[in-house]
Amino acid sequence: MKYLIVGLGNIGPEYAHTRHNIGFDIADELVKELGGSFSNMRLAYYAECSFKGRKIHVIKPTTFMNLSGKAVNYWMHELKIPLENILVLVDDLAIPFGKLRLKLKGSSAGHNGLQNIEDICGGQNYPRLRFGIDDNFSKGRQIDYVLAPFDKDELPELPALIDKSVELIKSLVTIGPAQTMTAFNK
């Protein structure tokens, strides 16, 4: 069984470790834990790892967040991985900081990266790990908020949340979505 894990984010040092790039941070930690490394390949940084007999392909699209679907579609077809075996790692304003939600399908909820994946890859039937970043911004300041680093009071919690995200991914690829959702969606 093969899986494609997609960390969403924007390339460039000015976006590193911002709220919107949490997908990249989780993907980095997953690949590091599994002893892999990324190579700059077509439309994405790409890594191939194994975990408990499962092949895990990980990408960080180089197309920028709002055009992520182009990279996901390419790698999905290149690796012959069905949409249901693609897990997208994404920030979510509607979820409080510190909360993780695994969903097997659903709307983009206004997230342009997810919307682009839906538009290009053919639907909403792919799992996504929604990483709560909260919505603590003034009216009209959403872009500034998501493109900013995490707050000083959030930073101490971040490593444990990223580790928990990695554990969720490993659980998903080994025991499946139902048990993983029961264990992690609290």
Protein backbone atom coordinates (compact mmCIF):
# COMPACT_ATOMS: atom_id res chain seq x y z
CA MET A 1 0.00 0.00 0.00
CA LYS A 2 1.40 3.38 -1.03
CA TYR A 3 0.60 6.80 0.40
CA LEU A 4 1.29 10.34 -0.75
CA ILE A 5 1.70 12.82 2.08
CA VAL A 6 1.42 16.44 0.93
CA GLY A 7 2.68 19.22 3.17
CA LEU A 8 1.19 22.54 2.09
CA GLY A 9 3.14 25.76 2.32
CA ASN A 10 4.93 28.44 0.36
CA ILE A 11 8.53 28.20 -0.77
CA GLY A 12 11.07 30.83 0.22
CA PRO A 13 12.77 31.83 3.46
CA GLU A 14 10.26 34.61 4.14
CA TYR A 15 7.55 31.94 4.60
CA ALA A 16 9.56 29.44 6.65
CA HIS A 17 7.91 28.40 9.92
CA THR A 18 4.85 30.61 9.46
CA ARG A 19 1.35 29.41 10.32
CA HIS A 20 0.55 28.85 6.64
CA ASN A 21 3.65 26.62 6.31
CA ILE A 22 2.85 24.19 9.10
CA GLY A 23 2.29 21.51 6.46
CA PHE A 24 5.91 21.89 5.34
CA ASP A 25 7.10 21.70 8.97
CA ILE A 26 5.17 18.48 9.62
CA ALA A 27 6.41 16.93 6.35
CA ASP A 28 10.01 17.85 7.29
CA GLU A 29 9.70 16.16 10.68
CA LEU A 30 8.06 13.05 9.21
CA VAL A 31 10.83 12.58 6.64
CA LYS A 32 13.52 13.27 9.25
CA GLU A 33 12.01 10.69 11.64
CA LEU A 34 11.78 8.07 8.90
CA GLY A 35 15.39 8.65 7.85
CA GLY A 36 14.64 10.16 4.44
CA SER A 37 15.65 13.36 2.72
CA PHE A 38 14.05 15.67 0.20
CA SER A 39 15.21 16.21 -3.37
CA ASN A 40 14.05 19.07 -5.56
CA MET A 41 12.12 17.31 -8.31
CA ARG A 42 9.26 18.13 -10.64
CA LEU A 43 6.91 20.69 -9.03
CA ALA A 44 7.90 19.67 -5.49
CA TYR A 45 10.50 18.68 -2.96
CA TYR A 46 10.11 14.90 -2.89
CA ALA A 47 11.09 12.19 -0.40
CA GLU A 48 10.42 8.48 -0.32
CA CYS A 49 10.34 6.62 3.00
CA SER A 50 9.11 3.34 4.44
CA PHE A 51 7.27 2.71 7.67
CA LYS A 52 6.18 -0.74 8.85
CA GLY A 53 6.07 -2.12 5.33
CA ARG A 54 4.22 0.85 3.87
CA LYS A 55 5.78 3.04 1.22
CA ILE A 56 5.32 6.71 2.03
CA HIS A 57 5.93 9.36 -0.61
CA VAL A 58 6.14 12.91 0.74
CA ILE A 59 5.98 16.13 -1.25
CA LYS A 60 6.22 19.81 -0.47
CA PRO A 61 4.90 21.57 -3.60
CA THR A 62 7.12 24.29 -5.05
CA THR A 63 4.14 25.80 -6.86
CA PHE A 64 3.12 28.03 -3.94
CA MET A 65 0.12 27.28 -1.74
CA ASN A 66 -2.66 28.44 -4.04
CA LEU A 67 -1.42 26.27 -6.94
CA SER A 68 -0.73 23.11 -4.92
CA GLY A 69 -3.11 21.03 -7.02
CA LYS A 70 -0.72 21.05 -9.97
CA ALA A 71 2.00 19.29 -7.94
CA VAL A 72 -0.43 16.92 -6.20
CA ASN A 73 -1.98 15.89 -9.52
CA TYR A 74 1.42 15.27 -11.12
CA TRP A 75 2.72 13.11 -8.24
CA MET A 76 -0.59 11.29 -7.78
CA HIS A 77 -0.46 10.15 -11.41
CA GLU A 78 3.30 9.62 -11.52
CA LEU A 79 3.18 7.32 -8.48
CA LYS A 80 -0.23 5.80 -9.32
CA ILE A 81 -1.67 6.63 -5.91
CA PRO A 82 -5.46 6.92 -5.61
CA LEU A 83 -6.93 10.14 -4.28
CA GLU A 84 -8.09 8.32 -1.10
CA ASN A 85 -4.43 7.54 -0.24
CA ILE A 86 -3.32 11.16 -0.37
CA LEU A 87 -3.09 12.95 2.97
CA VAL A 88 -2.83 16.74 2.83
CA LEU A 89 -1.27 18.54 5.80
CA VAL A 90 -2.83 21.99 6.11
CA ASP A 91 -3.30 24.92 8.48
CA ASP A 92 -6.86 25.68 9.61
CA LEU A 93 -8.13 29.00 10.98
CA ALA A 94 -11.41 27.46 12.17
CA ILE A 95 -9.68 25.15 14.64
CA PRO A 96 -8.11 26.42 17.89
CA PHE A 97 -4.33 26.31 18.16
CA GLY A 98 -3.24 23.00 19.64
CA LYS A 99 -6.01 20.92 18.05
CA LEU A 100 -5.60 18.46 15.18
CA ARG A 101 -8.45 17.11 13.06
CA LEU A 102 -8.23 14.25 10.60
CA LYS A 103 -11.00 14.40 8.00
CA LEU A 104 -11.43 11.84 5.22
CA LYS A 105 -13.07 14.30 2.83
CA GLY A 106 -14.82 17.63 2.82
CA SER A 107 -14.89 21.09 1.40
CA SER A 108 -11.92 23.41 1.15
CA ALA A 109 -13.54 25.64 3.81
CA GLY A 110 -12.15 28.67 1.99
CA HIS A 111 -8.56 27.41 1.96
CA ASN A 112 -7.14 28.24 -1.48
CA GLY A 113 -4.56 25.44 -1.42
CA LEU A 114 -7.25 22.81 -0.75
CA GLN A 115 -9.57 24.39 -3.32
CA ASN A 116 -6.88 24.14 -5.99
CA ILE A 117 -6.28 20.47 -5.14
CA GLU A 118 -10.03 19.80 -5.44
CA ASP A 119 -10.28 21.65 -8.74
CA ILE A 120 -7.32 19.90 -10.39
CA CYS A 121 -7.37 16.44 -8.80
CA GLY A 122 -11.05 15.78 -9.17
CA GLY A 123 -12.89 16.15 -5.93
CA GLN A 124 -12.91 16.31 -2.17
CA ASN A 125 -12.45 12.62 -1.39
CA TYR A 126 -8.96 12.81 0.04
CA PRO A 127 -7.94 12.86 3.71
CA ARG A 128 -6.55 15.99 5.27
CA LEU A 129 -4.89 16.69 8.57
CA ARG A 130 -6.14 20.08 9.67
CA PHE A 131 -3.70 21.74 12.08
CA GLY A 132 -5.45 24.38 14.17
CA ILE A 133 -3.84 27.82 13.99
CA ASP A 134 -6.79 29.74 15.54
CA ASP A 135 -8.28 32.93 14.13
CA ASN A 136 -6.75 35.52 16.40
CA PHE A 137 -6.56 38.41 13.93
CA SER A 138 -8.29 41.73 13.34
CA LYS A 139 -10.79 42.16 10.53
CA GLY A 140 -9.00 42.35 7.18
CA ARG A 141 -5.70 41.01 8.60
CA GLN A 142 -6.09 37.30 7.77
CA ILE A 143 -3.25 37.22 5.21
CA ASP A 144 -0.85 38.94 7.63
CA TYR A 145 -1.87 36.47 10.35
CA VAL A 146 -1.36 33.25 8.36
CA LEU A 147 1.92 34.48 6.88
CA ALA A 148 3.31 35.39 10.30
CA PRO A 149 5.30 33.12 12.62
CA PHE A 150 3.55 31.52 15.56
CA ASP A 151 3.26 33.70 18.67
CA LYS A 152 5.82 33.46 21.49
CA ASP A 153 3.28 31.73 23.75
CA GLU A 154 2.52 29.15 21.01
CA LEU A 155 6.15 28.29 20.18
CA PRO A 156 6.81 26.07 23.25
CA GLU A 157 3.84 23.85 22.28
CA LEU A 158 4.74 23.59 18.59
CA PRO A 159 7.30 20.72 18.70
CA ALA A 160 4.91 18.42 20.58
CA LEU A 161 2.07 19.26 18.16
CA ILE A 162 4.28 18.52 15.17
CA ASP A 163 5.34 15.23 16.79
CA LYS A 164 1.67 14.36 17.42
CA SER A 165 0.95 15.12 13.75
CA VAL A 166 3.72 12.73 12.69
CA GLU A 167 2.29 10.04 14.99
CA LEU A 168 -1.12 10.59 13.41
CA ILE A 169 0.35 10.10 9.92
CA LYS A 170 2.12 6.90 10.98
CA SER A 171 -1.12 5.66 12.54
CA LEU A 172 -3.12 6.44 9.40
CA VAL A 173 -0.79 4.46 7.13
CA THR A 174 -0.64 1.45 9.47
CA ILE A 175 -4.02 1.03 11.20
CA GLY A 176 -6.21 3.08 8.87
CA PRO A 177 -8.44 6.13 9.12
CA ALA A 178 -11.23 4.95 11.44
CA GLN A 179 -9.00 3.98 14.38
CA THR A 180 -6.72 6.96 13.76
CA MET A 181 -9.66 9.37 13.89
CA THR A 182 -10.86 7.78 17.14
CA ALA A 183 -7.41 8.11 18.70
CA PHE A 184 -6.51 11.62 17.52
CA ASN A 185 -9.72 13.63 16.92
CA LYS A 186 -10.32 14.64 20.53
